[in-house]
Amino acid sequence: MKRFLTAKWIDLLMANYAVEPELLESRVPPGTELDLFEDKCFVSVVAFQFVDTKVLGIPVPGHTDFEEVNLRFYVTYKSGSELRRGVVFVKEIVPKAMITFVARTVYGEPYETWSMSHTRTENELTYRWSDNEVANRMNVEIGENLGEPGVNSVEEFITEHYWGYTKRGENRTDEYRVAHPKWDLFDLNYAELEIDFGGTYGPEFEFLTDAEPDSLLLAKGSEIEVYKGKKLRTKN
């Protein structure tokens, strides 16, 4: 695969919720299956920062550093004898209209452009994203560095998916690979989440607005590489 994009992903804040698999079945790309952890199906709100972004090795002026917040879930795809673990996005929100335009028209990714900001101090991190009717906020107080997630832990499950899958129709799925090292995690001393799931992600997710996440993770992040995708062969 040809390397398409490089960047740093930093301060990845992940709120993870267990949901019924039926909620996601219509969104599962052809040829993939929901990936469960200890029989639990998860969706995650992931807020983070792109830094020093380059497309085909070239920085695009005004589009190198920005926030993203996405809602994602987890799938597997069997490629020969290899079981690939990946993510599928319900919605990806960025503050740059050009990124949204290219992602939607060329790659079929569910991007939207909203107002976004973040603040970061030594001990506190806040992400905000809003449109004309909805305002969301995630705020945490950062504790000690916990190191890499444990083997076979839920933290490893959430952070260690290295493929992306996009449903492009009833019989088409696109696949791409994301490469990065394992990420250190941080303890969180305090967290406050104000997420309007219904207004942001659709009425089927409204029940999560008042739900407590099963887990909340903060990953340090790293340099990443995204490789050019391909169309999968899927059965009708």
Protein backbone atom coordinates (compact mmCIF):
# COMPACT_ATOMS: atom_id res chain seq x y z
CA MET A 1 0.00 0.00 0.00
CA LYS A 2 1.15 3.54 -0.79
CA ARG A 3 1.47 6.01 2.08
CA PHE A 4 -1.13 8.74 1.63
CA LEU A 5 -1.10 10.88 4.78
CA THR A 6 1.24 11.48 7.71
CA ALA A 7 0.59 13.44 10.89
CA LYS A 8 0.81 13.38 14.63
CA TRP A 9 -2.30 12.40 16.58
CA ILE A 10 -2.05 13.72 20.13
CA ASP A 11 -4.17 13.84 23.30
CA LEU A 12 -6.72 11.25 22.19
CA LEU A 13 -9.64 11.37 24.62
CA MET A 14 -11.91 8.34 24.23
CA ALA A 15 -15.32 7.85 25.87
CA ASN A 16 -16.45 4.26 25.35
CA TYR A 17 -20.04 3.03 25.64
CA ALA A 18 -21.42 -0.52 25.50
CA VAL A 19 -24.42 -0.76 23.17
CA GLU A 20 -26.61 -3.48 21.72
CA PRO A 21 -25.14 -4.84 18.45
CA GLU A 22 -28.49 -4.30 16.72
CA LEU A 23 -27.90 -0.54 16.94
CA LEU A 24 -24.99 -0.83 14.50
CA GLU A 25 -25.93 -3.73 12.22
CA SER A 26 -27.17 -1.53 9.35
CA ARG A 27 -23.88 0.39 9.42
CA VAL A 28 -21.56 -2.63 9.26
CA PRO A 29 -19.65 -2.58 5.94
CA PRO A 30 -20.16 -5.64 3.70
CA GLY A 31 -17.59 -8.34 4.37
CA THR A 32 -16.86 -7.18 7.94
CA GLU A 33 -18.31 -8.27 11.27
CA LEU A 34 -18.77 -6.46 14.56
CA ASP A 35 -15.76 -6.86 16.85
CA LEU A 36 -16.77 -7.53 20.46
CA PHE A 37 -14.74 -7.42 23.65
CA GLU A 38 -15.89 -9.99 26.23
CA ASP A 39 -19.26 -10.10 24.43
CA LYS A 40 -19.65 -6.32 24.63
CA CYS A 41 -20.18 -4.10 21.58
CA PHE A 42 -18.65 -0.65 21.94
CA VAL A 43 -19.01 2.76 20.34
CA SER A 44 -16.43 5.42 21.16
CA VAL A 45 -16.41 9.20 21.02
CA VAL A 46 -12.80 10.08 20.21
CA ALA A 47 -11.53 13.67 20.40
CA PHE A 48 -7.96 14.43 19.37
CA GLN A 49 -5.64 16.75 17.48
CA PHE A 50 -4.01 16.46 14.08
CA VAL A 51 -0.57 18.13 14.10
CA ASP A 52 1.90 18.61 11.23
CA THR A 53 -0.40 16.93 8.71
CA LYS A 54 1.00 16.18 5.25
CA VAL A 55 -0.74 14.71 2.22
CA LEU A 56 1.63 12.77 -0.04
CA GLY A 57 4.45 14.39 1.91
CA ILE A 58 3.24 17.94 1.31
CA PRO A 59 1.73 20.21 4.02
CA VAL A 60 -1.45 21.96 2.87
CA PRO A 61 -1.43 25.60 4.08
CA GLY A 62 -4.05 26.19 6.78
CA HIS A 63 -4.81 22.48 7.10
CA THR A 64 -1.87 21.05 9.06
CA ASP A 65 -3.13 21.47 12.65
CA PHE A 66 -6.76 20.96 13.65
CA GLU A 67 -9.11 19.07 15.96
CA GLU A 68 -11.27 16.07 15.13
CA VAL A 69 -14.04 14.36 17.08
CA ASN A 70 -15.50 11.13 15.77
CA LEU A 71 -18.01 8.50 16.80
CA ARG A 72 -16.75 5.06 15.82
CA PHE A 73 -17.33 1.35 16.34
CA TYR A 74 -15.22 -1.77 15.85
CA VAL A 75 -15.20 -4.51 13.23
CA THR A 76 -13.07 -7.35 11.92
CA TYR A 77 -12.29 -8.40 8.37
CA LYS A 78 -10.73 -11.72 7.34
CA SER A 79 -8.09 -11.31 4.65
CA GLY A 80 -6.86 -14.82 3.83
CA SER A 81 -5.56 -16.22 7.12
CA GLU A 82 -5.22 -12.75 8.68
CA LEU A 83 -7.96 -11.31 10.90
CA ARG A 84 -7.80 -7.53 10.57
CA ARG A 85 -9.28 -5.41 13.34
CA GLY A 86 -10.58 -2.03 12.32
CA VAL A 87 -12.92 0.86 12.94
CA VAL A 88 -15.98 2.25 11.18
CA PHE A 89 -17.02 5.87 11.61
CA VAL A 90 -20.58 6.98 12.28
CA LYS A 91 -19.53 10.62 11.95
CA GLU A 92 -16.25 12.55 11.83
CA ILE A 93 -16.31 16.23 12.77
CA VAL A 94 -13.56 18.71 11.85
CA PRO A 95 -13.33 22.52 11.73
CA LYS A 96 -12.07 22.66 8.12
CA ALA A 97 -14.61 22.72 5.28
CA MET A 98 -12.08 21.63 2.64
CA ILE A 99 -11.25 18.46 4.60
CA THR A 100 -14.95 17.66 4.83
CA PHE A 101 -15.47 18.24 1.11
CA VAL A 102 -12.59 16.00 0.02
CA ALA A 103 -13.35 13.26 2.54
CA ARG A 104 -17.03 13.08 1.60
CA THR A 105 -16.76 13.41 -2.18
CA VAL A 106 -13.60 11.39 -2.84
CA TYR A 107 -13.54 8.82 -0.03
CA GLY A 108 -17.17 8.57 1.09
CA GLU A 109 -16.27 9.25 4.71
CA PRO A 110 -19.03 10.74 6.93
CA TYR A 111 -17.35 14.09 7.69
CA GLU A 112 -19.06 17.30 8.82
CA THR A 113 -17.68 20.78 9.50
CA TRP A 114 -18.42 22.26 12.94
CA SER A 115 -16.88 24.96 15.12
CA MET A 116 -14.19 23.32 17.27
CA SER A 117 -11.60 24.25 19.86
CA HIS A 118 -9.46 22.75 22.59
CA THR A 119 -7.47 23.95 25.59
CA ARG A 120 -4.55 22.06 27.08
CA THR A 121 -2.54 22.74 30.23
CA GLU A 122 -0.16 20.45 32.08
CA ASN A 123 -3.02 18.91 34.07
CA GLU A 124 -6.22 19.63 32.15
CA LEU A 125 -7.62 18.99 28.67
CA THR A 126 -10.88 20.25 27.14
CA TYR A 127 -12.44 19.68 23.73
CA ARG A 128 -15.45 21.64 22.43
CA TRP A 129 -17.44 21.18 19.22
CA SER A 130 -20.68 22.89 18.22
CA ASP A 131 -22.96 23.90 15.38
CA ASN A 132 -25.88 26.33 15.38
CA GLU A 133 -28.07 24.14 17.60
CA VAL A 134 -25.79 21.76 19.51
CA ALA A 135 -22.83 22.34 21.84
CA ASN A 136 -20.62 19.56 23.21
CA ARG A 137 -17.77 19.50 25.67
CA MET A 138 -15.33 16.97 27.15
CA ASN A 139 -13.12 18.06 30.04
CA VAL A 140 -10.65 15.95 32.05
CA GLU A 141 -8.04 16.42 34.73
CA ILE A 142 -4.92 14.47 33.80
CA GLY A 143 -3.16 12.17 36.25
CA GLU A 144 -0.04 10.03 36.04
CA ASN A 145 1.29 8.25 32.99
CA LEU A 146 0.11 4.61 33.12
CA GLY A 147 2.25 3.35 30.24
CA GLU A 148 1.01 1.08 27.48
CA PRO A 149 -2.29 -0.77 27.95
CA GLY A 150 -2.19 -4.30 29.31
CA VAL A 151 -2.36 -7.28 26.98
CA ASN A 152 -5.94 -8.43 26.34
CA SER A 153 -7.35 -5.45 28.26
CA VAL A 154 -10.31 -3.33 27.18
CA GLU A 155 -7.85 -0.43 26.86
CA GLU A 156 -5.82 -2.43 24.34
CA PHE A 157 -9.01 -3.37 22.48
CA ILE A 158 -10.08 0.26 22.10
CA THR A 159 -6.70 1.62 21.02
CA GLU A 160 -5.25 -1.24 18.96
CA HIS A 161 -7.30 -1.23 15.75
CA TYR A 162 -5.13 -0.51 12.72
CA TRP A 163 -7.56 -0.68 9.82
CA GLY A 164 -10.41 1.53 8.66
CA TYR A 165 -13.50 0.32 6.78
CA THR A 166 -16.02 2.45 4.91
CA LYS A 167 -19.40 1.27 3.66
CA ARG A 168 -19.76 2.61 0.10
CA GLY A 169 -22.93 0.69 -0.78
CA GLU A 170 -24.74 -2.57 -0.12
CA ASN A 171 -22.01 -4.55 -1.90
CA ARG A 172 -18.93 -2.35 -1.56
CA THR A 173 -16.47 -1.76 1.25
CA ASP A 174 -13.28 0.33 1.11
CA GLU A 175 -10.32 -0.54 3.36
CA TYR A 176 -7.29 1.48 4.44
CA ARG A 177 -4.50 0.94 6.98
CA VAL A 178 -3.29 3.21 9.78
CA ALA A 179 0.13 2.59 11.30
CA HIS A 180 1.32 3.85 14.69
CA PRO A 181 3.13 2.50 17.76
CA LYS A 182 1.30 1.57 20.93
CA TRP A 183 0.22 4.60 22.91
CA ASP A 184 0.86 5.41 26.56
CA LEU A 185 -2.31 6.03 28.57
CA PHE A 186 -2.88 8.53 31.38
CA ASP A 187 -4.89 8.21 34.56
CA LEU A 188 -7.82 10.65 34.78
CA ASN A 189 -8.53 12.27 38.14
CA TYR A 190 -11.74 13.99 37.04
CA ALA A 191 -13.97 14.03 33.97
CA GLU A 192 -16.98 16.01 32.81
CA LEU A 193 -18.79 15.05 29.59
CA GLU A 194 -21.52 17.13 28.02
CA ILE A 195 -22.41 15.38 24.75
CA ASP A 196 -25.74 15.75 22.98
CA PHE A 197 -25.71 12.38 21.23
CA GLY A 198 -29.10 12.80 19.60
CA GLY A 199 -28.38 16.24 18.21
CA THR A 200 -24.88 15.30 17.11
CA TYR A 201 -25.16 11.70 15.92
CA GLY A 202 -28.86 11.06 15.37
CA PRO A 203 -31.91 10.03 17.41
CA GLU A 204 -30.85 6.39 17.62
CA PHE A 205 -27.92 7.49 19.82
CA GLU A 206 -29.93 9.85 22.05
CA PHE A 207 -30.04 7.33 24.92
CA LEU A 208 -26.29 7.77 25.42
CA THR A 209 -26.66 11.47 26.36
CA ASP A 210 -27.35 10.65 30.01
CA ALA A 211 -25.37 7.39 30.10
CA GLU A 212 -22.09 6.95 31.93
CA PRO A 213 -19.32 5.62 29.68
CA ASP A 214 -18.04 2.14 30.44
CA SER A 215 -14.53 3.57 30.26
CA LEU A 216 -12.76 6.86 29.57
CA LEU A 217 -9.23 6.83 28.20
CA LEU A 218 -6.61 9.44 27.42
CA ALA A 219 -3.84 8.34 25.08
CA LYS A 220 -0.66 10.33 24.51
CA GLY A 221 -0.66 9.69 20.77
CA SER A 222 2.18 9.57 18.27
CA GLU A 223 3.17 10.02 14.67
CA ILE A 224 0.81 8.10 12.36
CA GLU A 225 0.76 6.99 8.74
CA VAL A 226 -2.38 6.41 6.68
CA TYR A 227 -2.03 4.24 3.60
CA LYS A 228 -4.02 4.57 0.40
CA GLY A 229 -7.16 2.48 0.51
CA LYS A 230 -8.59 -0.16 -1.78
CA LYS A 231 -11.95 -1.65 -2.66
CA LEU A 232 -12.58 -5.03 -1.06
CA ARG A 233 -14.07 -7.98 -2.82
CA THR A 234 -17.28 -8.71 -0.96
CA LYS A 235 -20.02 -11.24 -1.57
CA ASN A 236 -23.43 -10.06 -2.77
